[in-house]
Amino acid sequence: MNKDEKTTRIFTGSAIEAQPLINSLNEIDINPIIRDDHQSGITSGFATGVPGQIRIYIRNEELTIAQSIIDDHLKLLEN
């Protein structure tokens, strides 16, 4: 990770799998940054990216606070 980066990607996957993680982060007042390149491309007039796949980023200073929630979410997806 570049020290100049202000965010860290914490999840890549389907929007359905991501929603519980987003909800859990919102409950502790962390507002993740959600990137959906496919939907953005459609809005711009050209399609790119994988349909239904999103990436979630959070600010680096929030990573320590969110780490246990992220770990729990990823463990649930493994099962």
N, C-alpha and C. Protein backbone atom coordinates (compact mmCIF):
# COMPACT_ATOMS: atom_id res chain seq x y z
N MET A 1 0.85 -1.18 0.00
CA MET A 1 0.00 0.00 0.00
C MET A 1 0.89 1.24 0.00
N ASN A 2 0.59 2.14 -0.87
CA ASN A 2 1.29 3.41 -0.95
C ASN A 2 0.91 4.27 0.25
N LYS A 3 1.90 4.88 0.90
CA LYS A 3 1.60 5.68 2.09
C LYS A 3 0.74 6.90 1.79
N ASP A 4 0.66 7.29 0.50
CA ASP A 4 -0.16 8.43 0.12
C ASP A 4 -1.62 8.06 -0.08
N GLU A 5 -1.92 6.76 -0.14
CA GLU A 5 -3.30 6.33 -0.32
C GLU A 5 -4.09 6.63 0.94
N LYS A 6 -5.30 7.11 0.76
CA LYS A 6 -6.14 7.49 1.89
C LYS A 6 -7.22 6.45 2.18
N THR A 7 -7.38 5.46 1.28
CA THR A 7 -8.38 4.42 1.49
C THR A 7 -7.76 3.04 1.28
N THR A 8 -8.47 2.04 1.80
CA THR A 8 -8.07 0.65 1.63
C THR A 8 -9.27 -0.15 1.15
N ARG A 9 -9.05 -0.99 0.13
CA ARG A 9 -10.13 -1.85 -0.34
C ARG A 9 -10.29 -2.99 0.66
N ILE A 10 -11.52 -3.18 1.13
CA ILE A 10 -11.77 -4.21 2.13
C ILE A 10 -12.61 -5.36 1.60
N PHE A 11 -13.23 -5.18 0.44
CA PHE A 11 -14.09 -6.24 -0.09
C PHE A 11 -14.28 -6.06 -1.58
N THR A 12 -14.29 -7.18 -2.29
CA THR A 12 -14.67 -7.22 -3.69
C THR A 12 -15.59 -8.42 -3.86
N GLY A 13 -16.76 -8.20 -4.40
CA GLY A 13 -17.70 -9.31 -4.59
C GLY A 13 -19.05 -8.79 -5.00
N SER A 14 -20.04 -9.65 -4.88
CA SER A 14 -21.38 -9.28 -5.33
C SER A 14 -22.00 -8.26 -4.38
N ALA A 15 -22.90 -7.50 -4.92
CA ALA A 15 -23.60 -6.49 -4.13
C ALA A 15 -24.42 -7.14 -3.02
N ILE A 16 -24.95 -8.32 -3.29
CA ILE A 16 -25.75 -9.03 -2.29
C ILE A 16 -24.87 -9.46 -1.11
N GLU A 17 -23.67 -9.97 -1.39
CA GLU A 17 -22.76 -10.37 -0.32
C GLU A 17 -22.23 -9.17 0.45
N ALA A 18 -22.12 -8.03 -0.23
CA ALA A 18 -21.54 -6.84 0.38
C ALA A 18 -22.51 -6.10 1.30
N GLN A 19 -23.80 -6.23 1.06
CA GLN A 19 -24.77 -5.42 1.79
C GLN A 19 -24.72 -5.59 3.31
N PRO A 20 -24.59 -6.82 3.84
CA PRO A 20 -24.48 -6.94 5.30
C PRO A 20 -23.24 -6.24 5.86
N LEU A 21 -22.14 -6.28 5.13
CA LEU A 21 -20.93 -5.59 5.56
C LEU A 21 -21.16 -4.09 5.57
N ILE A 22 -21.77 -3.57 4.54
CA ILE A 22 -22.07 -2.13 4.45
C ILE A 22 -22.96 -1.72 5.63
N ASN A 23 -23.99 -2.53 5.89
CA ASN A 23 -24.92 -2.23 7.00
C ASN A 23 -24.19 -2.22 8.35
N SER A 24 -23.32 -3.21 8.56
CA SER A 24 -22.57 -3.29 9.82
C SER A 24 -21.64 -2.09 9.99
N LEU A 25 -21.00 -1.68 8.92
CA LEU A 25 -20.12 -0.51 9.00
C LEU A 25 -20.93 0.76 9.28
N ASN A 26 -22.07 0.88 8.64
CA ASN A 26 -22.92 2.05 8.87
C ASN A 26 -23.38 2.13 10.33
N GLU A 27 -23.61 0.98 10.96
CA GLU A 27 -24.05 0.95 12.36
C GLU A 27 -23.00 1.54 13.30
N ILE A 28 -21.73 1.48 12.93
CA ILE A 28 -20.69 2.07 13.78
C ILE A 28 -20.18 3.39 13.18
N ASP A 29 -21.03 4.01 12.38
CA ASP A 29 -20.77 5.33 11.80
C ASP A 29 -19.56 5.37 10.86
N ILE A 30 -19.34 4.27 10.15
CA ILE A 30 -18.34 4.26 9.08
C ILE A 30 -19.10 4.18 7.77
N ASN A 31 -18.88 5.16 6.92
CA ASN A 31 -19.54 5.20 5.62
C ASN A 31 -18.57 4.75 4.54
N PRO A 32 -18.70 3.48 4.12
CA PRO A 32 -17.76 2.97 3.13
C PRO A 32 -17.96 3.62 1.76
N ILE A 33 -16.92 3.57 0.98
CA ILE A 33 -16.96 4.06 -0.40
C ILE A 33 -17.23 2.84 -1.27
N ILE A 34 -18.28 2.89 -2.06
CA ILE A 34 -18.70 1.75 -2.86
C ILE A 34 -18.46 2.07 -4.33
N ARG A 35 -17.69 1.20 -4.99
CA ARG A 35 -17.38 1.37 -6.41
C ARG A 35 -18.07 0.27 -7.21
N ASP A 36 -18.87 0.67 -8.15
CA ASP A 36 -19.53 -0.26 -9.07
C ASP A 36 -19.21 0.22 -10.47
N ASP A 37 -18.10 -0.26 -11.03
CA ASP A 37 -17.65 0.20 -12.33
C ASP A 37 -18.63 -0.14 -13.44
N HIS A 38 -19.30 -1.27 -13.34
CA HIS A 38 -20.26 -1.65 -14.37
C HIS A 38 -21.42 -0.66 -14.42
N GLN A 39 -22.00 -0.37 -13.25
CA GLN A 39 -23.13 0.57 -13.22
C GLN A 39 -22.69 1.97 -13.63
N SER A 40 -21.50 2.37 -13.22
CA SER A 40 -20.98 3.68 -13.62
C SER A 40 -20.80 3.75 -15.12
N GLY A 41 -20.35 2.67 -15.72
CA GLY A 41 -20.17 2.62 -17.16
C GLY A 41 -21.48 2.73 -17.91
N ILE A 42 -22.50 2.05 -17.41
CA ILE A 42 -23.82 2.13 -18.04
C ILE A 42 -24.34 3.56 -17.98
N THR A 43 -24.18 4.20 -16.83
CA THR A 43 -24.61 5.58 -16.67
C THR A 43 -23.88 6.51 -17.64
N SER A 44 -22.62 6.21 -17.89
CA SER A 44 -21.81 7.05 -18.79
C SER A 44 -22.02 6.72 -20.26
N GLY A 45 -22.69 5.61 -20.53
CA GLY A 45 -22.95 5.25 -21.92
C GLY A 45 -22.09 4.13 -22.45
N PHE A 46 -21.27 3.53 -21.63
CA PHE A 46 -20.48 2.37 -22.06
C PHE A 46 -20.35 1.42 -20.88
N ALA A 47 -20.42 0.14 -21.15
CA ALA A 47 -20.38 -0.85 -20.07
C ALA A 47 -18.98 -1.39 -19.88
N THR A 48 -18.51 -1.39 -18.67
CA THR A 48 -17.22 -1.99 -18.31
C THR A 48 -17.37 -2.61 -16.94
N GLY A 49 -16.44 -3.41 -16.55
CA GLY A 49 -16.53 -4.06 -15.24
C GLY A 49 -17.41 -5.29 -15.29
N VAL A 50 -17.55 -5.93 -14.15
CA VAL A 50 -18.33 -7.16 -14.03
C VAL A 50 -19.70 -6.82 -13.46
N PRO A 51 -20.78 -7.21 -14.15
CA PRO A 51 -22.12 -6.92 -13.64
C PRO A 51 -22.31 -7.50 -12.24
N GLY A 52 -22.83 -6.69 -11.33
CA GLY A 52 -23.13 -7.14 -9.98
C GLY A 52 -21.95 -7.18 -9.03
N GLN A 53 -20.76 -6.88 -9.50
CA GLN A 53 -19.58 -6.89 -8.63
C GLN A 53 -19.24 -5.48 -8.18
N ILE A 54 -19.04 -5.33 -6.89
CA ILE A 54 -18.67 -4.02 -6.36
C ILE A 54 -17.40 -4.15 -5.53
N ARG A 55 -16.78 -3.02 -5.30
CA ARG A 55 -15.61 -2.94 -4.42
C ARG A 55 -15.96 -1.97 -3.30
N ILE A 56 -15.55 -2.32 -2.08
CA ILE A 56 -15.81 -1.47 -0.92
C ILE A 56 -14.47 -0.99 -0.38
N TYR A 57 -14.40 0.30 -0.15
CA TYR A 57 -13.21 0.93 0.43
C TYR A 57 -13.62 1.65 1.70
N ILE A 58 -12.68 1.73 2.64
CA ILE A 58 -12.88 2.61 3.80
C ILE A 58 -11.62 3.44 3.98
N ARG A 59 -11.77 4.53 4.70
CA ARG A 59 -10.63 5.41 4.97
C ARG A 59 -9.65 4.69 5.90
N ASN A 60 -8.37 4.90 5.65
CA ASN A 60 -7.34 4.21 6.42
C ASN A 60 -7.47 4.42 7.92
N GLU A 61 -7.87 5.61 8.33
CA GLU A 61 -7.98 5.87 9.77
C GLU A 61 -9.14 5.11 10.41
N GLU A 62 -10.06 4.56 9.60
CA GLU A 62 -11.18 3.78 10.13
C GLU A 62 -10.91 2.27 10.12
N LEU A 63 -9.81 1.87 9.53
CA LEU A 63 -9.53 0.45 9.34
C LEU A 63 -9.41 -0.30 10.66
N THR A 64 -8.74 0.25 11.64
CA THR A 64 -8.58 -0.42 12.92
C THR A 64 -9.92 -0.64 13.61
N ILE A 65 -10.78 0.35 13.54
CA ILE A 65 -12.10 0.26 14.17
C ILE A 65 -12.95 -0.80 13.47
N ALA A 66 -12.84 -0.90 12.15
CA ALA A 66 -13.69 -1.79 11.36
C ALA A 66 -13.15 -3.20 11.21
N GLN A 67 -11.91 -3.45 11.58
CA GLN A 67 -11.26 -4.72 11.27
C GLN A 67 -12.02 -5.94 11.77
N SER A 68 -12.55 -5.90 12.98
CA SER A 68 -13.27 -7.07 13.51
C SER A 68 -14.56 -7.33 12.72
N ILE A 69 -15.23 -6.29 12.30
CA ILE A 69 -16.44 -6.45 11.49
C ILE A 69 -16.10 -7.04 10.13
N ILE A 70 -15.03 -6.57 9.53
CA ILE A 70 -14.58 -7.09 8.24
C ILE A 70 -14.23 -8.56 8.37
N ASP A 71 -13.45 -8.92 9.39
CA ASP A 71 -13.06 -10.31 9.60
C ASP A 71 -14.26 -11.22 9.80
N ASP A 72 -15.22 -10.79 10.61
CA ASP A 72 -16.42 -11.58 10.86
C ASP A 72 -17.20 -11.79 9.57
N HIS A 73 -17.31 -10.75 8.77
CA HIS A 73 -18.07 -10.85 7.51
C HIS A 73 -17.40 -11.84 6.56
N LEU A 74 -16.08 -11.76 6.45
CA LEU A 74 -15.36 -12.67 5.55
C LEU A 74 -15.45 -14.11 6.02
N LYS A 75 -15.46 -14.34 7.34
CA LYS A 75 -15.61 -15.71 7.87
C LYS A 75 -16.98 -16.27 7.53
N LEU A 76 -18.01 -15.43 7.61
CA LEU A 76 -19.37 -15.88 7.26
C LEU A 76 -19.45 -16.28 5.79
N LEU A 77 -18.76 -15.55 4.93
CA LEU A 77 -18.80 -15.87 3.51
C LEU A 77 -18.06 -17.16 3.17
N GLU A 78 -17.08 -17.52 4.00
CA GLU A 78 -16.34 -18.75 3.77
C GLU A 78 -17.18 -19.98 4.03
N ASN A 79 -18.17 -19.87 4.90
CA ASN A 79 -18.99 -21.04 5.27
C ASN A 79 -20.05 -21.31 4.27
